[in-house]
Protein backbone atom coordinates (compact mmCIF):
# COMPACT_ATOMS: atom_id res chain seq x y z
CA UNK A 1 -29.95 -1.46 -7.55
CA UNK A 2 -26.64 -2.24 -5.81
CA UNK A 3 -25.43 -5.81 -6.07
CA UNK A 4 -24.02 -7.23 -2.81
CA UNK A 5 -20.32 -8.11 -2.84
CA UNK A 6 -20.79 -11.37 -0.96
CA UNK A 7 -22.89 -14.22 -2.24
CA UNK A 8 -24.46 -16.70 0.20
CA UNK A 9 -24.83 -20.30 -0.91
CA UNK A 10 -26.40 -22.87 1.42
CA UNK A 11 -25.50 -20.77 4.43
CA UNK A 12 -21.86 -20.13 3.46
CA UNK A 13 -20.72 -16.67 2.34
CA UNK A 14 -18.75 -16.66 -0.93
CA UNK A 15 -16.51 -13.64 -1.38
CA UNK A 16 -15.12 -12.58 -4.75
CA UNK A 17 -11.62 -11.12 -4.58
CA UNK A 18 -10.17 -9.45 -7.65
CA UNK A 19 -11.73 -9.06 -11.06
CA UNK A 20 -11.56 -10.51 -14.54
CA UNK A 21 -9.11 -13.38 -15.02
CA UNK A 22 -7.54 -12.70 -11.61
CA UNK A 23 -10.74 -13.22 -9.62
CA UNK A 24 -10.67 -15.76 -6.80
CA UNK A 25 -13.70 -16.96 -4.88
CA UNK A 26 -13.25 -17.62 -1.16
CA UNK A 27 -15.33 -19.17 1.60
CA UNK A 28 -14.76 -20.61 5.05
CA UNK A 29 -15.56 -24.32 5.38
CA UNK A 30 -15.11 -26.04 8.75
CA UNK A 31 -13.26 -22.98 10.15
CA UNK A 32 -10.68 -23.07 7.31
CA UNK A 33 -10.47 -20.62 4.42
CA UNK A 34 -10.97 -22.30 1.07
CA UNK A 35 -10.67 -20.71 -2.37
CA UNK A 36 -11.04 -21.60 -6.03
CA UNK A 37 -10.78 -19.97 -9.43
CA UNK A 38 -14.49 -20.34 -10.28
CA UNK A 39 -17.57 -19.82 -8.19
CA UNK A 40 -18.97 -23.18 -9.33
CA UNK A 41 -15.95 -25.00 -7.80
CA UNK A 42 -16.60 -23.29 -4.47
CA UNK A 43 -20.29 -24.22 -4.64
CA UNK A 44 -19.38 -27.83 -5.44
CA UNK A 45 -17.05 -27.94 -2.43
CA UNK A 46 -19.82 -26.58 -0.19
CA UNK A 47 -22.21 -29.21 -1.56
CA UNK A 48 -19.74 -32.01 -0.82
CA UNK A 49 -19.13 -30.70 2.68
CA UNK A 50 -22.86 -30.41 3.50
CA UNK A 51 -24.10 -33.56 1.73
CA UNK A 52 -21.24 -35.99 2.41
CA UNK A 53 -19.34 -34.44 5.31
CA UNK A 54 -16.08 -34.54 3.34
CA UNK A 55 -13.79 -31.52 3.66
CA UNK A 56 -12.64 -30.24 0.23
CA UNK A 57 -9.01 -30.68 -0.76
C-alpha cells in the first residue's frame, strides 16, 4: 500500500517537506502559507483558525 504524501486535516492539506530532523510541515491557512516543525503544531493552528477564527502567528 502506498502512503499519500499529503495529509488532509479538517479540510486543509498538510504537506511534509524534507525528512528526519529537517522535516517541515506546511499548509495554507486563509490564503497564506504557514509552516511548523511538527505536524501537531500545524493541526493546532488549523483548529484555532476553524474554531476561533484567529489566524496563527
